[in-house]
């Protein structure tokens, strides 16, 4: 009996290889399956990270919109009349 440990991003995945997996007839297929599983796992981890980052960017942009709407107006504003003349309103 042989143990195979794959360590990915701090997590350990343990699989057990029995003598039938290491016989001459099935050894190449076993190695191929282990490599394909590793690639499959890495692909899905990258996709999950990309999805999480896109959601975080969307939430950040929504939060910035809320913050910009809550910004107070300046106290002294320069206004224009209908004729185009400007005046400063003092409060």
C-alpha atoms as a PDB file:
ATOM      1  CA  UNK A   1       0.000   0.000   0.000  1.00  0.00           C
ATOM      2  CA  UNK A   2       1.354   3.403  -0.934  1.00  0.00           C
ATOM      3  CA  UNK A   3       0.063   6.859   0.019  1.00  0.00           C
ATOM      4  CA  UNK A   4       0.049   9.751  -2.381  1.00  0.00           C
ATOM      5  CA  UNK A   5      -0.270  13.228  -0.877  1.00  0.00           C
ATOM      6  CA  UNK A   6      -1.061  16.242  -3.034  1.00  0.00           C
ATOM      7  CA  UNK A   7      -0.587  19.554  -1.281  1.00  0.00           C
ATOM      8  CA  UNK A   8      -2.465  22.411  -2.935  1.00  0.00           C
ATOM      9  CA  UNK A   9      -2.802  25.850  -1.360  1.00  0.00           C
ATOM     10  CA  UNK A  10      -2.213  24.550   2.151  1.00  0.00           C
ATOM     11  CA  UNK A  11      -4.746  21.732   1.826  1.00  0.00           C
ATOM     12  CA  UNK A  12      -3.726  18.098   1.696  1.00  0.00           C
ATOM     13  CA  UNK A  13      -5.460  15.546  -0.475  1.00  0.00           C
ATOM     14  CA  UNK A  14      -4.516  11.980   0.353  1.00  0.00           C
ATOM     15  CA  UNK A  15      -5.176   9.069  -1.950  1.00  0.00           C
ATOM     16  CA  UNK A  16      -4.237   5.436  -1.423  1.00  0.00           C
ATOM     17  CA  UNK A  17      -2.548   3.412  -4.145  1.00  0.00           C
ATOM     18  CA  UNK A  18      -2.889  -0.345  -3.856  1.00  0.00           C
ATOM     19  CA  UNK A  19      -0.537  -2.847  -5.519  1.00  0.00           C
ATOM     20  CA  UNK A  20      -2.990  -3.241  -8.414  1.00  0.00           C
ATOM     21  CA  UNK A  21      -2.444   0.458  -9.246  1.00  0.00           C
ATOM     22  CA  UNK A  22       1.318   0.001  -9.494  1.00  0.00           C
ATOM     23  CA  UNK A  23       1.431  -3.184 -11.549  1.00  0.00           C
ATOM     24  CA  UNK A  24       3.197  -2.986 -14.915  1.00  0.00           C
ATOM     25  CA  UNK A  25      -0.053  -3.050 -16.881  1.00  0.00           C
ATOM     26  CA  UNK A  26      -1.808  -0.228 -15.016  1.00  0.00           C
ATOM     27  CA  UNK A  27       1.112   1.933 -13.838  1.00  0.00           C
ATOM     28  CA  UNK A  28       1.058   4.298 -16.838  1.00  0.00           C
ATOM     29  CA  UNK A  29      -2.695   4.766 -16.620  1.00  0.00           C
ATOM     30  CA  UNK A  30      -2.483   5.475 -12.870  1.00  0.00           C
ATOM     31  CA  UNK A  31       0.217   8.112 -13.389  1.00  0.00           C
ATOM     32  CA  UNK A  32      -1.788   9.673 -16.199  1.00  0.00           C
ATOM     33  CA  UNK A  33      -4.935   9.842 -14.051  1.00  0.00           C
ATOM     34  CA  UNK A  34      -3.041  11.442 -11.146  1.00  0.00           C
ATOM     35  CA  UNK A  35      -1.601  14.136 -13.432  1.00  0.00           C
ATOM     36  CA  UNK A  36      -4.966  14.795 -15.049  1.00  0.00           C
ATOM     37  CA  UNK A  37      -6.647  15.090 -11.649  1.00  0.00           C
ATOM     38  CA  UNK A  38      -4.013  17.599 -10.533  1.00  0.00           C
ATOM     39  CA  UNK A  39      -4.572  19.712 -13.666  1.00  0.00           C
ATOM     40  CA  UNK A  40      -8.342  19.442 -13.232  1.00  0.00           C
ATOM     41  CA  UNK A  41      -8.078  20.609  -9.617  1.00  0.00           C
ATOM     42  CA  UNK A  42      -5.770  23.526 -10.462  1.00  0.00           C
ATOM     43  CA  UNK A  43      -8.097  24.669 -13.250  1.00  0.00           C
ATOM     44  CA  UNK A  44     -11.109  24.767 -10.933  1.00  0.00           C
ATOM     45  CA  UNK A  45      -9.188  26.522  -8.165  1.00  0.00           C
ATOM     46  CA  UNK A  46      -8.145  29.252 -10.623  1.00  0.00           C
ATOM     47  CA  UNK A  47     -11.712  29.600 -11.911  1.00  0.00           C
ATOM     48  CA  UNK A  48     -13.039  29.911  -8.364  1.00  0.00           C
ATOM     49  CA  UNK A  49     -10.473  32.584  -7.517  1.00  0.00           C
ATOM     50  CA  UNK A  50     -11.346  34.537 -10.676  1.00  0.00           C
ATOM     51  CA  UNK A  51     -15.067  34.363  -9.857  1.00  0.00           C
ATOM     52  CA  UNK A  52     -14.491  35.554  -6.277  1.00  0.00           C
ATOM     53  CA  UNK A  53     -12.337  38.449  -7.500  1.00  0.00           C
ATOM     54  CA  UNK A  54     -14.941  39.524 -10.057  1.00  0.00           C
ATOM     55  CA  UNK A  55     -17.632  39.506  -7.363  1.00  0.00           C
ATOM     56  CA  UNK A  56     -15.398  41.539  -5.031  1.00  0.00           C
ATOM     57  CA  UNK A  57     -14.767  44.094  -7.802  1.00  0.00           C
ATOM     58  CA  UNK A  58     -18.508  44.386  -8.454  1.00  0.00           C
ATOM     59  CA  UNK A  59     -19.264  44.883  -4.759  1.00  0.00           C
ATOM     60  CA  UNK A  60     -16.492  47.474  -4.473  1.00  0.00           C
ATOM     61  CA  UNK A  61     -17.825  49.501  -7.401  1.00  0.00           C
ATOM     62  CA  UNK A  62     -21.347  49.392  -5.932  1.00  0.00           C
ATOM     63  CA  UNK A  63     -20.017  50.525  -2.550  1.00  0.00           C
ATOM     64  CA  UNK A  64     -18.124  53.409  -4.190  1.00  0.00           C
ATOM     65  CA  UNK A  65     -21.335  54.520  -5.907  1.00  0.00           C
ATOM     66  CA  UNK A  66     -23.108  54.609  -2.537  1.00  0.00           C
ATOM     67  CA  UNK A  67     -20.253  56.590  -0.980  1.00  0.00           C
ATOM     68  CA  UNK A  68     -20.232  59.101  -3.839  1.00  0.00           C
ATOM     69  CA  UNK A  69     -23.982  59.652  -3.508  1.00  0.00           C
ATOM     70  CA  UNK A  70     -23.575  60.346   0.204  1.00  0.00           C
ATOM     71  CA  UNK A  71     -20.988  63.088  -0.346  1.00  0.00           C
ATOM     72  CA  UNK A  72     -22.284  66.433   0.981  1.00  0.00           C
ATOM     73  CA  UNK A  73     -22.503  69.458  -1.300  1.00  0.00           C
ATOM     74  CA  UNK A  74     -20.134  72.366  -0.656  1.00  0.00           C
ATOM     75  CA  UNK A  75     -21.538  75.210   1.488  1.00  0.00           C
ATOM     76  CA  UNK A  76     -20.680  78.084  -0.879  1.00  0.00           C
ATOM     77  CA  UNK A  77     -21.935  77.441  -4.381  1.00  0.00           C
ATOM     78  CA  UNK A  78     -21.696  79.610  -7.448  1.00  0.00           C
ATOM     79  CA  UNK A  79     -25.068  79.877  -9.186  1.00  0.00           C
ATOM     80  CA  UNK A  80     -26.061  81.332 -12.537  1.00  0.00           C
ATOM     81  CA  UNK A  81     -29.147  83.335 -13.368  1.00  0.00           C
ATOM     82  CA  UNK A  82     -31.285  82.783 -16.425  1.00  0.00           C
ATOM     83  CA  UNK A  83     -29.378  85.511 -18.272  1.00  0.00           C
ATOM     84  CA  UNK A  84     -26.059  83.825 -17.510  1.00  0.00           C
ATOM     85  CA  UNK A  85     -24.769  86.160 -14.825  1.00  0.00           C
ATOM     86  CA  UNK A  86     -23.099  84.475 -11.879  1.00  0.00           C
ATOM     87  CA  UNK A  87     -23.531  85.211  -8.231  1.00  0.00           C
ATOM     88  CA  UNK A  88     -22.368  83.632  -5.003  1.00  0.00           C
ATOM     89  CA  UNK A  89     -25.042  82.787  -2.470  1.00  0.00           C
ATOM     90  CA  UNK A  90     -23.929  83.568   1.066  1.00  0.00           C
ATOM     91  CA  UNK A  91     -25.755  81.761   3.794  1.00  0.00           C
END
